[in-house]
N, C-alpha and C. Protein backbone atom coordinates (compact mmCIF):
# COMPACT_ATOMS: atom_id res chain seq x y z
N MET A 1 13.45 44.33 -39.38
CA MET A 1 12.61 43.28 -39.74
C MET A 1 11.92 42.55 -38.54
N SER A 2 10.73 42.53 -38.52
CA SER A 2 9.92 42.04 -37.41
C SER A 2 9.42 40.57 -37.81
N TYR A 3 9.70 39.67 -36.90
CA TYR A 3 9.22 38.30 -37.08
C TYR A 3 7.91 38.18 -36.25
N PRO A 4 6.98 37.43 -36.76
CA PRO A 4 5.82 37.27 -36.00
C PRO A 4 6.11 36.31 -34.84
N GLN A 5 5.59 36.70 -33.72
CA GLN A 5 5.86 35.86 -32.53
C GLN A 5 4.89 34.71 -32.55
N GLN A 6 5.44 33.57 -32.33
CA GLN A 6 4.67 32.35 -32.28
C GLN A 6 4.37 32.01 -30.87
N GLN A 7 3.08 31.79 -30.73
CA GLN A 7 2.67 31.35 -29.39
C GLN A 7 2.99 29.79 -29.17
N PRO A 8 3.46 29.48 -27.95
CA PRO A 8 3.73 28.04 -27.73
C PRO A 8 2.33 27.29 -27.83
N PRO A 9 2.45 26.01 -28.31
CA PRO A 9 1.22 25.24 -28.44
C PRO A 9 0.54 25.11 -27.02
N GLN A 10 -0.71 25.27 -26.98
CA GLN A 10 -1.44 25.17 -25.71
C GLN A 10 -1.39 23.59 -25.29
N PHE A 11 -1.18 23.53 -24.05
CA PHE A 11 -1.23 22.10 -23.41
C PHE A 11 -2.62 21.60 -23.34
N GLN A 12 -2.93 20.57 -23.99
CA GLN A 12 -4.24 19.97 -23.97
C GLN A 12 -4.09 18.68 -23.01
N PRO A 13 -4.75 18.66 -21.93
CA PRO A 13 -4.72 17.48 -21.11
C PRO A 13 -5.40 16.33 -21.87
N ALA A 14 -4.76 15.14 -21.78
CA ALA A 14 -5.31 13.95 -22.44
C ALA A 14 -6.67 13.66 -21.78
N GLN A 15 -7.49 13.18 -22.59
CA GLN A 15 -8.85 12.78 -22.22
C GLN A 15 -8.74 11.35 -21.64
N PHE A 16 -8.76 11.25 -20.41
CA PHE A 16 -8.65 9.90 -19.71
C PHE A 16 -10.01 9.29 -19.61
N GLN A 17 -10.04 8.07 -20.01
CA GLN A 17 -11.26 7.35 -19.83
C GLN A 17 -11.04 6.34 -18.75
N PRO A 18 -12.08 6.02 -17.95
CA PRO A 18 -11.95 5.01 -16.94
C PRO A 18 -11.45 3.69 -17.55
N GLN A 19 -10.58 3.01 -16.84
CA GLN A 19 -10.11 1.77 -17.31
C GLN A 19 -11.28 0.73 -17.29
N GLN A 20 -11.34 -0.02 -18.35
CA GLN A 20 -12.42 -0.95 -18.35
C GLN A 20 -11.87 -2.29 -17.85
N GLN A 21 -12.51 -2.91 -16.98
CA GLN A 21 -12.09 -4.18 -16.47
C GLN A 21 -12.27 -5.29 -17.43
N PHE A 22 -11.34 -6.26 -17.33
CA PHE A 22 -11.33 -7.40 -18.29
C PHE A 22 -12.56 -8.19 -18.01
N GLN A 23 -13.30 -8.42 -19.05
CA GLN A 23 -14.49 -9.30 -19.01
C GLN A 23 -14.18 -10.61 -19.61
N PRO A 24 -14.14 -11.65 -18.84
CA PRO A 24 -13.76 -12.99 -19.37
C PRO A 24 -14.76 -13.43 -20.37
N GLN A 25 -14.31 -14.13 -21.39
CA GLN A 25 -15.16 -14.70 -22.39
C GLN A 25 -15.56 -16.15 -21.95
N GLY A 26 -16.78 -16.44 -21.86
CA GLY A 26 -17.23 -17.79 -21.63
C GLY A 26 -17.35 -18.10 -20.15
N PRO A 27 -17.72 -19.31 -19.82
CA PRO A 27 -17.92 -19.73 -18.45
C PRO A 27 -16.67 -19.87 -17.63
N MET A 28 -16.83 -19.61 -16.40
CA MET A 28 -15.61 -19.70 -15.45
C MET A 28 -15.77 -20.78 -14.44
N GLY A 29 -14.64 -21.22 -13.91
CA GLY A 29 -14.57 -22.23 -12.86
C GLY A 29 -13.60 -21.65 -11.73
N MET A 30 -13.37 -22.44 -10.77
CA MET A 30 -12.49 -21.99 -9.67
C MET A 30 -11.52 -23.07 -9.37
N LEU A 31 -10.21 -22.58 -9.17
CA LEU A 31 -9.17 -23.44 -8.73
C LEU A 31 -8.79 -23.18 -7.36
N HIS A 32 -9.02 -24.19 -6.45
CA HIS A 32 -8.72 -24.08 -5.04
C HIS A 32 -7.31 -24.74 -4.82
N LEU A 33 -6.25 -23.84 -4.98
CA LEU A 33 -4.92 -24.25 -4.91
C LEU A 33 -4.44 -24.09 -3.53
N THR A 34 -4.03 -25.12 -2.87
CA THR A 34 -3.44 -25.06 -1.53
C THR A 34 -1.96 -25.29 -1.59
N ILE A 35 -1.21 -24.36 -1.15
CA ILE A 35 0.20 -24.48 -0.98
C ILE A 35 0.59 -24.97 0.41
N GLN A 36 0.93 -26.22 0.51
CA GLN A 36 1.15 -26.73 1.91
C GLN A 36 2.44 -26.09 2.40
N GLY A 37 2.50 -26.03 3.81
CA GLY A 37 3.63 -25.48 4.40
C GLY A 37 3.46 -24.04 4.81
N SER A 38 4.52 -23.39 5.23
CA SER A 38 4.50 -22.01 5.49
C SER A 38 5.93 -21.50 5.36
N ALA A 39 6.05 -20.09 5.54
CA ALA A 39 7.41 -19.53 5.41
C ALA A 39 8.40 -20.16 6.43
N MET A 40 7.90 -20.64 7.51
CA MET A 40 8.75 -21.22 8.57
C MET A 40 9.19 -22.63 8.21
N THR A 41 8.30 -23.43 7.67
CA THR A 41 8.53 -24.84 7.43
C THR A 41 9.02 -25.19 6.08
N SER A 42 8.83 -24.29 5.08
CA SER A 42 9.25 -24.53 3.64
C SER A 42 10.37 -23.60 3.27
N SER A 43 9.92 -22.50 2.65
CA SER A 43 10.82 -21.46 2.17
C SER A 43 10.17 -20.08 2.49
N MET A 44 10.97 -19.04 2.59
CA MET A 44 10.39 -17.71 2.92
C MET A 44 9.74 -17.20 1.55
N ILE A 45 10.16 -17.74 0.47
CA ILE A 45 9.57 -17.33 -0.80
C ILE A 45 8.50 -18.32 -1.24
N PRO A 46 7.24 -17.92 -1.45
CA PRO A 46 6.23 -18.91 -1.89
C PRO A 46 6.59 -19.43 -3.21
N PRO A 47 6.07 -20.69 -3.61
CA PRO A 47 6.37 -21.24 -4.89
C PRO A 47 5.79 -20.36 -6.00
N THR A 48 6.39 -20.56 -7.26
CA THR A 48 5.90 -19.83 -8.44
C THR A 48 4.95 -20.81 -9.17
N VAL A 49 3.82 -20.18 -9.54
CA VAL A 49 2.68 -20.94 -10.13
C VAL A 49 2.42 -20.33 -11.51
N HIS A 50 2.36 -21.19 -12.50
CA HIS A 50 1.88 -20.90 -13.88
C HIS A 50 0.71 -21.65 -14.19
N LEU A 51 -0.42 -21.00 -14.67
CA LEU A 51 -1.59 -21.65 -15.15
C LEU A 51 -1.71 -21.39 -16.62
N ASN A 52 -1.68 -22.47 -17.41
CA ASN A 52 -1.61 -22.42 -18.89
C ASN A 52 -0.56 -21.49 -19.34
N GLY A 53 0.59 -21.44 -18.63
CA GLY A 53 1.78 -20.59 -19.05
C GLY A 53 1.73 -19.19 -18.50
N TYR A 54 0.69 -18.84 -17.76
CA TYR A 54 0.67 -17.48 -17.31
C TYR A 54 1.04 -17.45 -15.73
N PRO A 55 1.89 -16.55 -15.26
CA PRO A 55 2.21 -16.55 -13.89
C PRO A 55 1.02 -16.05 -13.08
N VAL A 56 0.87 -16.69 -11.86
CA VAL A 56 -0.18 -16.27 -10.95
C VAL A 56 0.42 -16.11 -9.58
N PRO A 57 0.14 -15.00 -8.89
CA PRO A 57 0.71 -14.79 -7.52
C PRO A 57 -0.07 -15.62 -6.53
N VAL A 58 0.69 -16.33 -5.65
CA VAL A 58 0.06 -17.11 -4.62
C VAL A 58 0.71 -16.92 -3.33
N LYS A 59 0.16 -17.44 -2.22
CA LYS A 59 0.73 -17.35 -0.86
C LYS A 59 0.51 -18.80 -0.27
N TYR A 60 1.18 -19.02 0.82
CA TYR A 60 0.97 -20.23 1.52
C TYR A 60 -0.46 -20.30 2.02
N GLY A 61 -0.96 -21.61 1.96
CA GLY A 61 -2.39 -21.81 2.44
C GLY A 61 -3.20 -21.93 1.15
N ARG A 62 -4.56 -21.75 1.29
CA ARG A 62 -5.45 -21.93 0.20
C ARG A 62 -5.58 -20.59 -0.68
N ASN A 63 -5.51 -20.86 -1.99
CA ASN A 63 -5.66 -19.68 -2.85
C ASN A 63 -6.83 -19.95 -3.81
N ASP A 64 -7.86 -19.11 -3.81
CA ASP A 64 -8.99 -19.34 -4.66
C ASP A 64 -8.73 -18.51 -5.90
N ILE A 65 -8.54 -19.17 -7.12
CA ILE A 65 -8.21 -18.50 -8.28
C ILE A 65 -9.20 -18.77 -9.30
N PRO A 66 -10.02 -17.74 -9.79
CA PRO A 66 -10.87 -17.97 -10.94
C PRO A 66 -10.23 -18.23 -12.24
N VAL A 67 -10.67 -19.28 -12.92
CA VAL A 67 -10.02 -19.76 -14.21
C VAL A 67 -11.11 -19.95 -15.22
N PRO A 68 -10.80 -19.85 -16.51
CA PRO A 68 -11.78 -20.16 -17.53
C PRO A 68 -12.08 -21.70 -17.51
N ALA A 69 -13.33 -22.05 -17.75
CA ALA A 69 -13.68 -23.53 -17.87
C ALA A 69 -12.90 -24.07 -19.01
N GLY A 70 -12.52 -25.39 -18.83
CA GLY A 70 -11.77 -26.02 -19.94
C GLY A 70 -10.53 -26.65 -19.33
N PRO A 71 -9.59 -27.04 -20.31
CA PRO A 71 -8.38 -27.71 -19.81
C PRO A 71 -7.48 -26.68 -19.14
N LEU A 72 -6.81 -27.14 -18.10
CA LEU A 72 -5.92 -26.39 -17.33
C LEU A 72 -4.62 -27.09 -17.05
N HIS A 73 -3.54 -26.44 -17.39
CA HIS A 73 -2.14 -27.02 -17.08
C HIS A 73 -1.54 -26.18 -16.00
N ILE A 74 -1.18 -26.84 -14.89
CA ILE A 74 -0.64 -26.19 -13.70
C ILE A 74 0.78 -26.60 -13.53
N ASP A 75 1.70 -25.56 -13.62
CA ASP A 75 3.12 -25.82 -13.37
C ASP A 75 3.53 -25.05 -12.12
N ILE A 76 4.18 -25.73 -11.17
CA ILE A 76 4.59 -25.08 -9.91
C ILE A 76 6.02 -25.48 -9.62
N HIS A 77 6.82 -24.49 -9.16
CA HIS A 77 8.17 -24.85 -8.70
C HIS A 77 8.51 -23.91 -7.53
N SER A 78 9.46 -24.31 -6.78
CA SER A 78 10.04 -23.48 -5.67
C SER A 78 11.41 -22.95 -6.08
N GLN A 79 11.90 -21.99 -5.49
CA GLN A 79 13.23 -21.45 -5.78
C GLN A 79 13.87 -20.91 -4.52
N TRP A 80 15.15 -21.26 -4.33
CA TRP A 80 16.00 -20.72 -3.31
C TRP A 80 17.22 -20.28 -4.02
N MET A 81 18.37 -21.07 -4.08
CA MET A 81 19.55 -20.73 -4.80
C MET A 81 19.35 -21.20 -6.32
N ARG A 82 18.42 -22.11 -6.41
CA ARG A 82 18.14 -22.59 -7.77
C ARG A 82 16.73 -23.02 -7.84
N VAL A 83 16.18 -23.29 -9.05
CA VAL A 83 14.83 -23.83 -9.15
C VAL A 83 14.80 -25.32 -8.70
N TYR A 84 13.80 -25.68 -7.93
CA TYR A 84 13.72 -27.02 -7.47
C TYR A 84 12.24 -27.32 -7.17
N GLY A 85 11.94 -28.55 -6.83
CA GLY A 85 10.47 -28.93 -6.57
C GLY A 85 9.51 -28.81 -7.64
N LYS A 86 9.96 -28.99 -8.82
CA LYS A 86 9.04 -28.86 -10.02
C LYS A 86 7.95 -29.91 -9.95
N ALA A 87 6.74 -29.48 -10.25
CA ALA A 87 5.60 -30.41 -10.29
C ALA A 87 4.60 -29.82 -11.29
N ALA A 88 3.89 -30.68 -12.05
CA ALA A 88 2.90 -30.23 -13.01
C ALA A 88 1.68 -31.12 -12.87
N LEU A 89 0.49 -30.61 -13.28
CA LEU A 89 -0.71 -31.36 -13.28
C LEU A 89 -1.69 -30.86 -14.27
N ASP A 90 -2.27 -31.73 -15.04
CA ASP A 90 -3.23 -31.29 -16.00
C ASP A 90 -4.67 -31.80 -15.54
N CYS A 91 -5.67 -30.81 -15.73
CA CYS A 91 -6.98 -31.17 -15.19
C CYS A 91 -7.94 -30.40 -16.09
N THR A 92 -9.23 -30.77 -16.03
CA THR A 92 -10.20 -29.99 -16.74
C THR A 92 -11.19 -29.34 -15.75
N VAL A 93 -11.45 -28.08 -15.95
CA VAL A 93 -12.34 -27.36 -15.01
C VAL A 93 -13.65 -27.15 -15.73
N GLN A 94 -14.74 -27.68 -15.12
CA GLN A 94 -16.11 -27.55 -15.65
C GLN A 94 -16.63 -26.17 -15.29
N PRO A 95 -17.55 -25.65 -16.01
CA PRO A 95 -18.16 -24.38 -15.65
C PRO A 95 -18.82 -24.43 -14.25
N ASN A 96 -18.51 -23.41 -13.45
CA ASN A 96 -19.10 -23.23 -12.10
C ASN A 96 -18.62 -24.42 -11.17
N GLN A 97 -17.47 -25.03 -11.50
CA GLN A 97 -16.95 -26.12 -10.67
C GLN A 97 -15.64 -25.61 -10.07
N ALA A 98 -15.44 -26.08 -8.77
CA ALA A 98 -14.19 -25.82 -8.01
C ALA A 98 -13.31 -27.12 -8.07
N VAL A 99 -12.02 -26.95 -8.44
CA VAL A 99 -11.14 -28.06 -8.54
C VAL A 99 -10.14 -27.87 -7.46
N PRO A 100 -10.01 -28.85 -6.50
CA PRO A 100 -9.03 -28.83 -5.46
C PRO A 100 -7.66 -29.27 -5.98
N VAL A 101 -6.58 -28.52 -5.64
CA VAL A 101 -5.20 -28.96 -6.05
C VAL A 101 -4.38 -28.62 -4.93
N PHE A 102 -3.42 -29.50 -4.45
CA PHE A 102 -2.52 -29.40 -3.39
C PHE A 102 -1.17 -29.60 -3.84
N TYR A 103 -0.21 -28.66 -3.39
CA TYR A 103 1.30 -28.74 -3.74
C TYR A 103 2.00 -28.75 -2.54
N ALA A 104 3.13 -29.55 -2.42
CA ALA A 104 4.02 -29.49 -1.29
C ALA A 104 5.48 -29.46 -1.91
N SER A 105 6.32 -28.49 -1.47
CA SER A 105 7.66 -28.50 -1.96
C SER A 105 8.44 -29.60 -1.18
N PRO A 106 9.53 -30.07 -1.74
CA PRO A 106 10.36 -31.08 -1.06
C PRO A 106 11.13 -30.55 0.09
N PHE A 107 11.70 -31.51 0.97
CA PHE A 107 12.47 -31.06 2.09
C PHE A 107 13.86 -30.57 1.64
N HIS A 108 14.30 -30.93 0.47
CA HIS A 108 15.66 -30.52 -0.06
C HIS A 108 15.47 -30.23 -1.53
N GLN A 109 16.61 -29.65 -2.16
CA GLN A 109 16.54 -29.18 -3.50
C GLN A 109 16.86 -30.26 -4.55
N PHE A 110 16.88 -31.48 -4.14
CA PHE A 110 17.37 -32.51 -5.17
C PHE A 110 16.31 -33.52 -5.53
N THR A 111 15.05 -33.13 -5.33
CA THR A 111 13.84 -33.93 -5.76
C THR A 111 12.80 -33.07 -6.31
N SER A 112 11.72 -33.75 -6.82
CA SER A 112 10.59 -32.94 -7.31
C SER A 112 9.53 -32.64 -6.28
N GLY A 113 8.62 -31.76 -6.50
CA GLY A 113 7.57 -31.49 -5.55
C GLY A 113 6.43 -32.44 -5.71
N SER A 114 5.51 -32.41 -4.83
CA SER A 114 4.35 -33.29 -4.84
C SER A 114 3.08 -32.46 -5.19
N ILE A 115 2.23 -32.98 -6.10
CA ILE A 115 1.03 -32.22 -6.47
C ILE A 115 0.01 -33.34 -6.74
N GLY A 116 -1.32 -32.93 -6.37
CA GLY A 116 -2.46 -33.86 -6.55
C GLY A 116 -3.70 -33.17 -6.15
N HIS A 117 -4.82 -33.95 -6.26
CA HIS A 117 -6.15 -33.36 -5.98
C HIS A 117 -6.52 -33.56 -4.57
N SER A 118 -5.66 -34.32 -3.84
CA SER A 118 -5.87 -34.38 -2.33
C SER A 118 -4.58 -34.03 -1.64
N GLN A 119 -4.68 -33.90 -0.32
CA GLN A 119 -3.42 -33.50 0.37
C GLN A 119 -2.27 -34.48 0.10
N VAL A 120 -1.10 -33.92 -0.17
CA VAL A 120 0.10 -34.69 -0.54
C VAL A 120 1.16 -34.63 0.45
N LYS A 121 2.13 -35.59 0.51
CA LYS A 121 3.20 -35.63 1.45
C LYS A 121 4.41 -34.99 0.79
N ARG A 122 5.28 -34.37 1.61
CA ARG A 122 6.47 -33.72 1.15
C ARG A 122 7.55 -34.83 0.87
N LYS A 123 8.26 -34.76 -0.20
CA LYS A 123 9.24 -35.77 -0.58
C LYS A 123 10.58 -35.35 0.13
N GLY A 124 11.49 -36.40 0.32
CA GLY A 124 12.85 -36.06 0.72
C GLY A 124 13.13 -36.16 2.14
N ILE A 125 12.30 -36.61 2.97
CA ILE A 125 12.61 -36.65 4.45
C ILE A 125 13.71 -37.64 4.73
N GLY A 126 13.72 -38.74 3.99
CA GLY A 126 14.84 -39.83 4.22
C GLY A 126 16.17 -39.19 3.95
N ALA A 127 16.29 -38.57 2.79
CA ALA A 127 17.59 -37.91 2.45
C ALA A 127 17.98 -36.87 3.39
N LEU A 128 16.99 -36.08 3.88
CA LEU A 128 17.28 -35.08 4.86
C LEU A 128 17.88 -35.62 6.17
N PHE A 129 17.18 -36.76 6.64
CA PHE A 129 17.72 -37.46 7.89
C PHE A 129 19.07 -38.07 7.63
N GLY A 130 19.26 -38.54 6.40
CA GLY A 130 20.57 -39.19 6.06
C GLY A 130 21.68 -38.10 6.09
N MET A 131 21.40 -36.98 5.50
CA MET A 131 22.47 -35.95 5.46
C MET A 131 22.85 -35.50 6.83
N VAL A 132 21.71 -35.24 7.67
CA VAL A 132 21.99 -34.79 9.05
C VAL A 132 22.70 -35.82 9.83
N GLY A 133 22.28 -37.15 9.66
CA GLY A 133 22.94 -38.18 10.40
C GLY A 133 24.35 -38.36 10.02
N ALA A 134 24.76 -38.18 8.74
CA ALA A 134 26.14 -38.23 8.24
C ALA A 134 26.90 -37.08 8.92
N ILE A 135 26.43 -35.93 9.05
CA ILE A 135 27.12 -34.79 9.58
C ILE A 135 27.43 -35.11 11.09
N VAL A 136 26.35 -35.57 11.77
CA VAL A 136 26.51 -35.89 13.23
C VAL A 136 27.53 -36.96 13.33
N ALA A 137 27.51 -38.06 12.54
CA ALA A 137 28.48 -39.18 12.76
C ALA A 137 29.86 -38.64 12.46
N VAL A 138 30.18 -37.81 11.45
CA VAL A 138 31.51 -37.31 11.16
C VAL A 138 31.94 -36.44 12.34
N THR A 139 31.07 -35.68 12.87
CA THR A 139 31.42 -34.69 14.00
C THR A 139 31.82 -35.60 15.21
N LEU A 140 31.00 -36.63 15.53
CA LEU A 140 31.21 -37.52 16.67
C LEU A 140 32.62 -38.26 16.47
N LEU A 141 32.81 -38.74 15.24
CA LEU A 141 34.12 -39.46 14.84
C LEU A 141 35.25 -38.57 15.10
N ILE A 142 35.21 -37.37 14.62
CA ILE A 142 36.33 -36.39 14.89
C ILE A 142 36.51 -36.11 16.33
N ALA A 143 35.41 -36.00 17.07
CA ALA A 143 35.53 -35.78 18.51
C ALA A 143 36.19 -36.96 19.26
N VAL A 144 35.80 -38.09 18.91
CA VAL A 144 36.32 -39.27 19.54
C VAL A 144 37.83 -39.41 19.17
N LEU A 145 38.17 -39.23 18.00
CA LEU A 145 39.64 -39.42 17.51
C LEU A 145 40.47 -38.25 18.22
N ALA A 146 39.88 -37.09 18.35
CA ALA A 146 40.62 -36.02 19.04
C ALA A 146 40.82 -36.33 20.52
N ALA A 147 39.84 -36.94 21.20
CA ALA A 147 39.95 -37.25 22.58
C ALA A 147 40.99 -38.45 22.79
N LEU A 148 41.08 -39.34 21.85
CA LEU A 148 42.01 -40.52 21.90
C LEU A 148 43.39 -40.18 21.52
N GLY A 149 43.57 -39.15 20.71
CA GLY A 149 44.90 -38.88 20.17
C GLY A 149 45.55 -37.79 20.80
């Protein structure tokens, strides 16, 4: 008994069409987001930014981000061992308008970040000096007590 031999199905390459780029609906504006500091003075990891709930990659310095015109909610936080330096800002972007926003992470992980439409100061310098001063004072006290005893 002879069985008809079946030919394997012929491989048909998929018809690839070029990817169409996303065409935004409606007018656009620009967010000039400046992350103050650098990898040497803040954290090696740049802060995490969410615009209207969507993550946006950023770097230290000025970031020019095109955004749809209308209300914009900006959430920013830094992360090292835990999330810290949370800050948020609501603004409205007009069509063809650039909105400046500045963010500075704090000097330590126990306070919020600073955000505003003009350059902002980093929070937490007093607590940082207090912690360093306490460590120096305890070290000197132990050294003095060891020298006397």
